[in-house]
Protein backbone atom coordinates (compact mmCIF):
# COMPACT_ATOMS: atom_id res chain seq x y z
CA MET A 1 -18.41 15.86 -15.76
CA SER A 2 -16.39 14.33 -12.93
CA LYS A 3 -14.03 16.55 -10.99
CA ILE A 4 -11.84 13.54 -10.21
CA PRO A 5 -8.65 13.81 -12.27
CA GLN A 6 -7.58 11.00 -14.55
CA ARG A 7 -4.88 8.75 -13.08
CA TRP A 8 -1.43 9.03 -14.47
CA HIS A 9 -0.70 5.85 -16.38
CA GLU A 10 2.97 6.41 -16.97
CA GLU A 11 5.48 3.70 -16.18
CA ASN A 12 8.45 4.37 -13.92
CA GLN A 13 6.67 7.03 -11.85
CA TRP A 14 6.60 7.01 -8.05
CA TYR A 15 3.16 7.15 -6.44
CA PHE A 16 1.98 7.52 -2.87
CA VAL A 17 -0.92 5.08 -2.41
CA THR A 18 -3.55 4.56 0.28
CA VAL A 19 -5.62 1.36 0.34
CA VAL A 20 -8.41 1.00 2.92
CA THR A 21 -10.14 -2.12 4.24
CA PHE A 22 -13.85 -2.62 3.58
CA GLU A 23 -15.89 -0.53 6.02
CA ARG A 24 -12.64 0.25 7.83
CA GLU A 25 -12.61 -3.17 9.46
CA ARG A 26 -9.46 -3.51 11.56
CA TRP A 27 -8.33 -6.99 10.50
CA LEU A 28 -4.99 -5.79 9.10
CA GLY A 29 -3.90 -5.10 12.68
CA GLU A 30 -3.53 -8.83 13.25
CA GLU A 31 0.06 -9.96 12.73
CA HIS A 32 -1.05 -12.91 10.60
CA TYR A 33 -2.82 -10.66 8.09
CA ALA A 34 -0.04 -8.08 8.00
CA ASN A 35 2.35 -10.92 7.14
CA LEU A 36 -0.04 -12.20 4.48
CA LEU A 37 -0.14 -8.75 2.88
CA LEU A 38 3.65 -8.65 2.78
CA GLU A 39 3.58 -12.10 1.20
CA CYS A 40 1.18 -10.75 -1.44
CA PHE A 41 3.68 -8.05 -2.37
CA ARG A 42 6.46 -10.64 -2.64
CA ASP A 43 4.24 -12.88 -4.79
CA GLU A 44 3.24 -10.02 -7.09
CA ARG A 45 6.89 -9.12 -7.65
CA LYS A 46 7.20 -12.48 -9.42
CA MET A 47 4.45 -11.42 -11.84
CA LEU A 48 4.77 -7.62 -12.12
CA SER A 49 7.80 -5.38 -12.17
CA PHE A 50 7.58 -2.69 -9.47
CA ARG A 51 9.52 -1.10 -6.64
CA ILE A 52 8.41 -0.15 -3.15
CA GLY A 53 10.03 2.92 -1.65
CA ALA A 54 8.19 2.75 1.68
CA LEU A 55 5.24 0.91 3.21
CA THR A 56 3.28 0.99 6.44
CA ILE A 57 0.48 -1.36 7.42
CA LEU A 58 -2.08 -0.24 10.00
CA GLN A 59 -5.25 -1.88 11.32
CA ASP A 60 -7.60 -0.65 8.61
CA HIS A 61 -5.40 0.66 5.80
CA TRP A 62 -1.95 0.71 4.33
CA HIS A 63 0.15 3.39 2.66
CA GLY A 64 2.88 2.74 0.17
CA ILE A 65 5.23 4.52 -2.16
CA MET A 66 5.15 2.40 -5.29
CA ARG A 67 6.75 2.56 -8.70
CA PRO A 68 5.31 0.27 -11.39
CA GLN A 69 8.05 -0.37 -13.91
CA THR A 70 5.73 -2.03 -16.39
CA GLY A 71 1.98 -1.77 -16.60
CA HIS A 72 0.14 0.82 -14.53
CA LEU A 73 -0.59 1.52 -10.91
CA GLY A 74 -4.21 0.30 -11.01
CA GLU A 75 -3.07 -3.10 -12.27
CA LEU A 76 -0.53 -3.39 -9.46
CA ILE A 77 -2.90 -2.36 -6.65
CA GLY A 78 -5.71 -4.50 -8.07
CA SER A 79 -3.42 -7.54 -8.19
CA VAL A 80 -2.26 -7.10 -4.59
CA LYS A 81 -5.85 -6.61 -3.36
CA LYS A 82 -7.08 -9.67 -5.27
CA ARG A 83 -4.21 -11.85 -4.09
CA MET A 84 -4.88 -10.84 -0.46
CA TRP A 85 -8.57 -11.72 -0.87
CA HIS A 86 -7.59 -15.20 -2.14
CA LYS A 87 -5.17 -15.74 0.73
CA ARG A 88 -7.80 -14.71 3.28
CA ARG A 89 -10.32 -16.97 1.60
CA LYS A 90 -8.04 -19.96 2.17
CA HIS A 91 -8.29 -19.27 5.92
CA GLU A 92 -11.90 -18.03 5.92
CA PRO A 93 -13.87 -19.70 3.09
CA LYS A 94 -16.89 -17.41 3.56
CA VAL A 95 -14.95 -14.14 3.54
CA GLY A 96 -16.75 -11.32 1.72
CA GLU A 97 -15.39 -7.96 0.68
CA ILE A 98 -12.12 -7.04 2.37
CA TRP A 99 -11.09 -3.83 0.54
CA GLN A 100 -12.76 -0.58 -0.36
CA PRO A 101 -13.40 -0.70 -4.12
CA ARG A 102 -11.06 2.20 -4.89
CA PHE A 103 -7.72 3.47 -3.69
CA LEU A 104 -6.16 6.92 -3.40
CA ASP A 105 -2.96 7.86 -5.14
CA HIS A 106 -0.73 10.86 -5.65
CA ARG A 107 2.03 10.98 -8.24
CA LEU A 108 5.22 12.09 -6.55
CA ARG A 109 6.62 14.95 -8.56
CA ASN A 110 10.10 15.59 -7.16
CA PRO A 111 12.54 14.49 -4.44
CA LYS A 112 10.99 16.86 -1.88
CA ASP A 113 7.51 15.42 -2.48
CA PHE A 114 8.96 11.90 -2.22
CA ALA A 115 10.72 12.70 1.09
CA GLU A 116 7.57 14.30 2.56
CA HIS A 117 5.55 11.18 1.81
CA VAL A 118 8.23 8.89 3.24
CA ARG A 119 8.07 10.99 6.42
CA TYR A 120 4.27 10.69 6.41
CA ILE A 121 4.53 6.89 6.16
CA ILE A 122 7.04 6.74 9.01
CA GLU A 123 4.89 8.95 11.26
CA ASN A 124 1.52 7.43 10.37
CA PRO A 125 1.54 4.75 13.12
CA ILE A 126 2.05 7.53 15.71
CA LYS A 127 -0.79 9.56 14.17
CA HIS A 128 -3.09 6.55 14.57
CA ASN A 129 -1.97 5.91 18.17
CA VAL A 130 -0.62 2.41 17.59
CA THR A 131 2.85 3.27 18.84
CA ASP A 132 4.67 6.07 20.63
CA LYS A 133 7.87 5.69 18.61
CA ALA A 134 7.88 5.21 14.86
CA GLN A 135 10.86 2.85 14.99
CA ASP A 136 8.90 0.50 17.28
CA TRP A 137 6.14 -0.17 14.72
CA PRO A 138 7.00 -3.51 13.07
CA TRP A 139 4.94 -2.87 9.90
CA THR A 140 6.77 0.16 8.50
CA PHE A 141 9.46 -0.39 5.90
CA VAL A 142 11.54 2.26 4.15
CA HIS A 143 13.93 1.29 1.39
CA ASP A 144 16.84 3.37 0.21
CA HIS A 145 15.56 4.23 -3.23
CA PRO A 146 16.47 7.51 -4.82
CA PHE A 147 13.57 9.46 -6.31
CA GLY A 148 14.75 9.10 -9.90
């Protein structure tokens, strides 16, 4: 029996999510692709109802605090990953895999947990040595959403 816990499939729950590029390729570090990923989130908002509490995009992964308001988290992440693949394919017709097949998530249980993960997102570009000051990293976004 697997020791991996079942995902929570509740609507209106905040989750901390990590999505990694295939084989940790560093293509997300290019401004063009970071912008395309942001465009994917905007496009998906037209199809799925969700909120983003915070987001950071690094060279080979991104972290987000997401709240699907309808559907479930796997549907949301899968849709964003698929849309990004299609957008990359328009620019690179022979593109292969671009994402790891899975993603990591953690259901945020209370305001303290939420705040700790927002802090993690803000500090992640420093941890990965892409900037010395968190406020200088152009691919981190924090929205003023209460936990509830």
